[in-house]
PDB file of N, CA and C in Angstrom:
ATOM      1  N   MET A   1      21.694 -79.715  26.380  1.00  0.00           N
ATOM      2  CA  MET A   1      20.391 -79.629  25.631  1.00  0.00           C
ATOM      3  C   MET A   1      19.417 -78.919  26.382  1.00  0.00           C
ATOM      4  N   PHE A   2      19.320 -78.986  27.697  1.00  0.00           N
ATOM      5  CA  PHE A   2      18.465 -78.153  28.560  1.00  0.00           C
ATOM      6  C   PHE A   2      18.725 -76.656  28.447  1.00  0.00           C
ATOM      7  N   LYS A   3      19.957 -76.336  28.356  1.00  0.00           N
ATOM      8  CA  LYS A   3      20.319 -74.891  28.144  1.00  0.00           C
ATOM      9  C   LYS A   3      19.965 -74.400  26.788  1.00  0.00           C
ATOM     10  N   MET A   4      20.127 -75.284  25.907  1.00  0.00           N
ATOM     11  CA  MET A   4      19.582 -74.815  24.478  1.00  0.00           C
ATOM     12  C   MET A   4      18.128 -74.549  24.418  1.00  0.00           C
ATOM     13  N   ILE A   5      17.338 -75.317  24.931  1.00  0.00           N
ATOM     14  CA  ILE A   5      15.868 -75.271  25.005  1.00  0.00           C
ATOM     15  C   ILE A   5      15.468 -74.065  25.715  1.00  0.00           C
ATOM     16  N   SER A   6      16.149 -73.706  27.018  1.00  0.00           N
ATOM     17  CA  SER A   6      15.834 -72.583  27.929  1.00  0.00           C
ATOM     18  C   SER A   6      16.289 -71.264  26.966  1.00  0.00           C
ATOM     19  N   LYS A   7      17.362 -71.284  26.363  1.00  0.00           N
ATOM     20  CA  LYS A   7      17.785 -70.167  25.586  1.00  0.00           C
ATOM     21  C   LYS A   7      16.669 -69.907  24.538  1.00  0.00           C
ATOM     22  N   LEU A   8      16.111 -70.880  23.804  1.00  0.00           N
ATOM     23  CA  LEU A   8      15.206 -70.579  22.851  1.00  0.00           C
ATOM     24  C   LEU A   8      13.953 -70.109  23.292  1.00  0.00           C
ATOM     25  N   LEU A   9      13.513 -70.558  24.451  1.00  0.00           N
ATOM     26  CA  LEU A   9      12.290 -70.064  24.918  1.00  0.00           C
ATOM     27  C   LEU A   9      12.457 -68.668  25.489  1.00  0.00           C
ATOM     28  N   LYS A  10      13.597 -68.172  25.916  1.00  0.00           N
ATOM     29  CA  LYS A  10      13.953 -66.852  26.502  1.00  0.00           C
ATOM     30  C   LYS A  10      14.118 -65.828  25.225  1.00  0.00           C
ATOM     31  N   ASP A  11      14.153 -66.313  24.041  1.00  0.00           N
ATOM     32  CA  ASP A  11      14.532 -65.536  22.949  1.00  0.00           C
ATOM     33  C   ASP A  11      13.365 -64.855  22.541  1.00  0.00           C
ATOM     34  N   GLU A  12      13.295 -63.385  22.445  1.00  0.00           N
ATOM     35  CA  GLU A  12      12.115 -62.684  22.055  1.00  0.00           C
ATOM     36  C   GLU A  12      12.274 -61.886  20.879  1.00  0.00           C
ATOM     37  N   SER A  13      13.215 -62.088  20.235  1.00  0.00           N
ATOM     38  CA  SER A  13      13.578 -61.238  19.002  1.00  0.00           C
ATOM     39  C   SER A  13      12.374 -61.548  17.832  1.00  0.00           C
ATOM     40  N   GLY A  14      11.990 -62.655  17.901  1.00  0.00           N
ATOM     41  CA  GLY A  14      10.845 -62.885  16.770  1.00  0.00           C
ATOM     42  C   GLY A  14       9.584 -62.253  17.187  1.00  0.00           C
ATOM     43  N   ALA A  15       9.374 -62.219  18.354  1.00  0.00           N
ATOM     44  CA  ALA A  15       8.109 -61.521  18.938  1.00  0.00           C
ATOM     45  C   ALA A  15       8.193 -59.971  18.799  1.00  0.00           C
ATOM     46  N   THR A  16       9.455 -59.447  18.807  1.00  0.00           N
ATOM     47  CA  THR A  16       9.628 -58.063  18.671  1.00  0.00           C
ATOM     48  C   THR A  16       9.365 -57.576  17.243  1.00  0.00           C
ATOM     49  N   ALA A  17       9.896 -58.596  16.295  1.00  0.00           N
ATOM     50  CA  ALA A  17       9.754 -58.262  14.849  1.00  0.00           C
ATOM     51  C   ALA A  17       8.116 -58.344  14.421  1.00  0.00           C
ATOM     52  N   ILE A  18       7.518 -59.206  15.093  1.00  0.00           N
ATOM     53  CA  ILE A  18       6.006 -59.336  14.737  1.00  0.00           C
ATOM     54  C   ILE A  18       5.450 -58.068  15.289  1.00  0.00           C
ATOM     55  N   GLU A  19       5.752 -57.698  16.529  1.00  0.00           N
ATOM     56  CA  GLU A  19       5.238 -56.416  17.019  1.00  0.00           C
ATOM     57  C   GLU A  19       5.352 -55.305  16.065  1.00  0.00           C
ATOM     58  N   TYR A  20       6.536 -55.090  15.593  1.00  0.00           N
ATOM     59  CA  TYR A  20       6.863 -53.959  14.755  1.00  0.00           C
ATOM     60  C   TYR A  20       5.988 -54.149  13.387  1.00  0.00           C
ATOM     61  N   GLY A  21       5.888 -55.293  12.939  1.00  0.00           N
ATOM     62  CA  GLY A  21       5.113 -55.497  11.687  1.00  0.00           C
ATOM     63  C   GLY A  21       3.748 -55.171  11.923  1.00  0.00           C
ATOM     64  N   LEU A  22       3.120 -55.476  13.111  1.00  0.00           N
ATOM     65  CA  LEU A  22       1.637 -55.197  13.429  1.00  0.00           C
ATOM     66  C   LEU A  22       1.706 -53.596  13.470  1.00  0.00           C
ATOM     67  N   ILE A  23       2.595 -52.942  14.040  1.00  0.00           N
ATOM     68  CA  ILE A  23       2.540 -51.518  14.194  1.00  0.00           C
ATOM     69  C   ILE A  23       2.458 -50.889  12.818  1.00  0.00           C
ATOM     70  N   ALA A  24       3.511 -51.413  11.931  1.00  0.00           N
ATOM     71  CA  ALA A  24       3.495 -50.819  10.577  1.00  0.00           C
ATOM     72  C   ALA A  24       2.303 -51.024   9.880  1.00  0.00           C
ATOM     73  N   ALA A  25       1.540 -52.199   9.970  1.00  0.00           N
ATOM     74  CA  ALA A  25       0.359 -52.455   9.305  1.00  0.00           C
ATOM     75  C   ALA A  25      -0.642 -51.561   9.697  1.00  0.00           C
ATOM     76  N   LEU A  26      -0.763 -51.344  11.030  1.00  0.00           N
ATOM     77  CA  LEU A  26      -1.768 -50.349  11.569  1.00  0.00           C
ATOM     78  C   LEU A  26      -1.480 -48.872  11.027  1.00  0.00           C
ATOM     79  N   VAL A  27      -0.286 -48.511  11.035  1.00  0.00           N
ATOM     80  CA  VAL A  27      -0.027 -47.210  10.475  1.00  0.00           C
ATOM     81  C   VAL A  27      -0.385 -47.132   9.097  1.00  0.00           C
ATOM     82  N   SER A  28      -0.096 -47.953   8.149  1.00  0.00           N
ATOM     83  CA  SER A  28      -0.543 -48.088   6.807  1.00  0.00           C
ATOM     84  C   SER A  28      -1.983 -48.062   6.603  1.00  0.00           C
ATOM     85  N   VAL A  29      -2.695 -48.760   7.363  1.00  0.00           N
ATOM     86  CA  VAL A  29      -4.231 -48.794   7.288  1.00  0.00           C
ATOM     87  C   VAL A  29      -4.587 -47.513   7.607  1.00  0.00           C
ATOM     88  N   ALA A  30      -4.149 -46.904   8.629  1.00  0.00           N
ATOM     89  CA  ALA A  30      -4.632 -45.442   9.106  1.00  0.00           C
ATOM     90  C   ALA A  30      -4.187 -44.503   8.062  1.00  0.00           C
ATOM     91  N   ALA A  31      -3.123 -44.551   7.362  1.00  0.00           N
ATOM     92  CA  ALA A  31      -2.636 -43.669   6.371  1.00  0.00           C
ATOM     93  C   ALA A  31      -3.613 -43.797   5.068  1.00  0.00           C
ATOM     94  N   ILE A  32      -3.798 -44.940   4.699  1.00  0.00           N
ATOM     95  CA  ILE A  32      -4.661 -45.266   3.560  1.00  0.00           C
ATOM     96  C   ILE A  32      -6.063 -44.665   3.745  1.00  0.00           C
ATOM     97  N   GLY A  33      -6.677 -44.783   4.911  1.00  0.00           N
ATOM     98  CA  GLY A  33      -7.962 -44.296   5.269  1.00  0.00           C
ATOM     99  C   GLY A  33      -7.923 -42.704   5.263  1.00  0.00           C
ATOM    100  N   ALA A  34      -6.963 -42.206   5.805  1.00  0.00           N
ATOM    101  CA  ALA A  34      -6.869 -40.713   5.823  1.00  0.00           C
ATOM    102  C   ALA A  34      -6.706 -40.112   4.525  1.00  0.00           C
ATOM    103  N   LEU A  35      -5.731 -40.764   3.597  1.00  0.00           N
ATOM    104  CA  LEU A  35      -5.505 -40.282   2.519  1.00  0.00           C
ATOM    105  C   LEU A  35      -6.703 -40.314   1.537  1.00  0.00           C
ATOM    106  N   GLY A  36      -7.614 -41.435   1.674  1.00  0.00           N
ATOM    107  CA  GLY A  36      -8.712 -41.846   0.936  1.00  0.00           C
ATOM    108  C   GLY A  36      -9.588 -40.618   1.088  1.00  0.00           C
ATOM    109  N   ALA A  37      -9.891 -40.311   2.455  1.00  0.00           N
ATOM    110  CA  ALA A  37     -10.841 -39.389   2.821  1.00  0.00           C
ATOM    111  C   ALA A  37     -10.507 -37.941   2.253  1.00  0.00           C
ATOM    112  N   MET A  38      -9.183 -37.613   2.290  1.00  0.00           N
ATOM    113  CA  MET A  38      -8.781 -36.309   1.925  1.00  0.00           C
ATOM    114  C   MET A  38      -8.669 -36.277   0.452  1.00  0.00           C
ATOM    115  N   GLY A  39      -8.701 -37.430  -0.301  1.00  0.00           N
ATOM    116  CA  GLY A  39      -8.539 -37.358  -1.749  1.00  0.00           C
ATOM    117  C   GLY A  39      -9.816 -36.588  -2.428  1.00  0.00           C
ATOM    118  N   ASP A  40     -10.966 -37.036  -1.921  1.00  0.00           N
ATOM    119  CA  ASP A  40     -12.124 -36.416  -2.434  1.00  0.00           C
ATOM    120  C   ASP A  40     -12.165 -34.724  -2.249  1.00  0.00           C
ATOM    121  N   SER A  41     -11.553 -34.508  -1.111  1.00  0.00           N
ATOM    122  CA  SER A  41     -11.657 -33.003  -0.798  1.00  0.00           C
ATOM    123  C   SER A  41     -10.619 -32.349  -1.807  1.00  0.00           C
ATOM    124  N   LEU A  42      -9.529 -32.943  -1.878  1.00  0.00           N
ATOM    125  CA  LEU A  42      -8.368 -32.324  -2.818  1.00  0.00           C
ATOM    126  C   LEU A  42      -8.950 -32.370  -4.329  1.00  0.00           C
ATOM    127  N   ASP A  43      -9.583 -33.284  -4.622  1.00  0.00           N
ATOM    128  CA  ASP A  43     -10.198 -33.414  -6.006  1.00  0.00           C
ATOM    129  C   ASP A  43     -11.121 -32.135  -6.354  1.00  0.00           C
ATOM    130  N   GLY A  44     -11.959 -31.860  -5.342  1.00  0.00           N
ATOM    131  CA  GLY A  44     -12.796 -30.818  -5.386  1.00  0.00           C
ATOM    132  C   GLY A  44     -12.210 -29.484  -5.420  1.00  0.00           C
ATOM    133  N   ILE A  45     -11.010 -29.379  -4.651  1.00  0.00           N
ATOM    134  CA  ILE A  45     -10.271 -28.044  -4.534  1.00  0.00           C
ATOM    135  C   ILE A  45      -9.575 -27.819  -5.985  1.00  0.00           C
ATOM    136  N   PHE A  46      -8.987 -28.939  -6.667  1.00  0.00           N
ATOM    137  CA  PHE A  46      -8.274 -28.773  -7.806  1.00  0.00           C
ATOM    138  C   PHE A  46      -9.234 -28.547  -9.012  1.00  0.00           C
ATOM    139  N   THR A  47     -10.362 -29.060  -8.919  1.00  0.00           N
ATOM    140  CA  THR A  47     -11.366 -28.890  -9.964  1.00  0.00           C
ATOM    141  C   THR A  47     -11.895 -27.454  -9.947  1.00  0.00           C
ATOM    142  N   PHE A  48     -12.184 -26.826  -8.618  1.00  0.00           N
ATOM    143  CA  PHE A  48     -12.460 -25.419  -8.567  1.00  0.00           C
ATOM    144  C   PHE A  48     -11.497 -24.526  -9.158  1.00  0.00           C
ATOM    145  N   VAL A  49     -10.179 -24.844  -8.726  1.00  0.00           N
ATOM    146  CA  VAL A  49      -9.014 -23.929  -9.276  1.00  0.00           C
ATOM    147  C   VAL A  49      -8.881 -24.132 -10.638  1.00  0.00           C
ATOM    148  N   SER A  50      -8.918 -25.300 -11.350  1.00  0.00           N
ATOM    149  CA  SER A  50      -8.837 -25.356 -12.853  1.00  0.00           C
ATOM    150  C   SER A  50     -10.000 -24.811 -13.442  1.00  0.00           C
ATOM    151  N   THR A  51     -11.230 -24.853 -13.058  1.00  0.00           N
ATOM    152  CA  THR A  51     -12.405 -24.167 -13.684  1.00  0.00           C
ATOM    153  C   THR A  51     -12.169 -22.616 -13.577  1.00  0.00           C
ATOM    154  N   THR A  52     -11.626 -21.990 -12.509  1.00  0.00           N
ATOM    155  CA  THR A  52     -11.578 -20.654 -12.167  1.00  0.00           C
ATOM    156  C   THR A  52     -10.658 -20.238 -13.198  1.00  0.00           C
ATOM    157  N   LEU A  53      -9.377 -20.788 -13.251  1.00  0.00           N
ATOM    158  CA  LEU A  53      -8.301 -20.446 -14.117  1.00  0.00           C
ATOM    159  C   LEU A  53      -8.701 -20.484 -15.564  1.00  0.00           C
ATOM    160  N   GLU A  54      -9.446 -21.460 -16.016  1.00  0.00           N
ATOM    161  CA  GLU A  54      -9.906 -21.624 -17.353  1.00  0.00           C
ATOM    162  C   GLU A  54     -10.891 -20.619 -17.726  1.00  0.00           C
ATOM    163  N   ALA A  55     -11.899 -20.029 -16.734  1.00  0.00           N
ATOM    164  CA  ALA A  55     -12.628 -19.092 -16.995  1.00  0.00           C
ATOM    165  C   ALA A  55     -11.891 -17.618 -17.098  1.00  0.00           C
ATOM    166  N   ALA A  56     -11.043 -17.556 -16.473  1.00  0.00           N
ATOM    167  CA  ALA A  56     -10.144 -16.277 -16.367  1.00  0.00           C
ATOM    168  C   ALA A  56      -9.510 -16.096 -17.821  1.00  0.00           C
ATOM    169  N   VAL A  57      -8.892 -17.237 -18.208  1.00  0.00           N
ATOM    170  CA  VAL A  57      -8.041 -17.152 -19.536  1.00  0.00           C
ATOM    171  C   VAL A  57      -9.041 -16.883 -20.578  1.00  0.00           C
ATOM    172  N   THR A  58     -10.371 -17.547 -20.552  1.00  0.00           N
ATOM    173  CA  THR A  58     -11.352 -17.642 -21.674  1.00  0.00           C
ATOM    174  C   THR A  58     -11.866 -16.062 -21.658  1.00  0.00           C
ATOM    175  N   SER A  59     -11.999 -15.478 -20.689  1.00  0.00           N
ATOM    176  CA  SER A  59     -12.627 -14.357 -20.708  1.00  0.00           C
ATOM    177  C   SER A  59     -11.686 -13.069 -20.942  1.00  0.00           C
ATOM    178  N   GLY A  60     -10.355 -13.460 -20.843  1.00  0.00           N
ATOM    179  CA  GLY A  60      -9.318 -12.434 -21.141  1.00  0.00           C
ATOM    180  C   GLY A  60      -8.898 -11.612 -19.905  1.00  0.00           C
ATOM    181  N   THR A  61      -9.285 -11.961 -18.659  1.00  0.00           N
ATOM    182  CA  THR A  61      -9.035 -11.291 -17.607  1.00  0.00           C
ATOM    183  C   THR A  61      -7.700 -11.976 -16.897  1.00  0.00           C
ATOM    184  N   GLY A  62      -6.878 -11.112 -16.396  1.00  0.00           N
ATOM    185  CA  GLY A  62      -5.696 -11.640 -15.899  1.00  0.00           C
ATOM    186  C   GLY A  62      -4.598 -11.973 -16.760  1.00  0.00           C
ATOM    187  N   GLY A  63      -4.647 -11.751 -17.913  1.00  0.00           N
ATOM    188  CA  GLY A  63      -3.656 -12.155 -18.938  1.00  0.00           C
ATOM    189  C   GLY A  63      -2.483 -10.865 -18.752  1.00  0.00           C
ATOM    190  N   THR A  64      -1.581 -11.066 -19.530  1.00  0.00           N
ATOM    191  CA  THR A  64      -0.337 -10.148 -19.753  1.00  0.00           C
ATOM    192  C   THR A  64      -0.684  -9.165 -20.536  1.00  0.00           C
ATOM    193  N   PRO A  65      -0.463  -7.831 -20.286  1.00  0.00           N
ATOM    194  CA  PRO A  65      -0.826  -6.621 -21.446  1.00  0.00           C
ATOM    195  C   PRO A  65      -0.148  -6.792 -22.651  1.00  0.00           C
TER     196      PRO A  65
END
């Protein structure tokens, strides 16, 4: 009985799994924050490109001959 209890106290596999879970959660939070901040910038870039392309098509420049 004593050997079983001491073996249970020495088992660290659960602690390792919790540590990996915490690391994954931290990476996820950092990724969400970075992508959220980058999202506004990308939205502005795509809006600019779309507006420029639409203006080029409307004015007839840049088309095929």
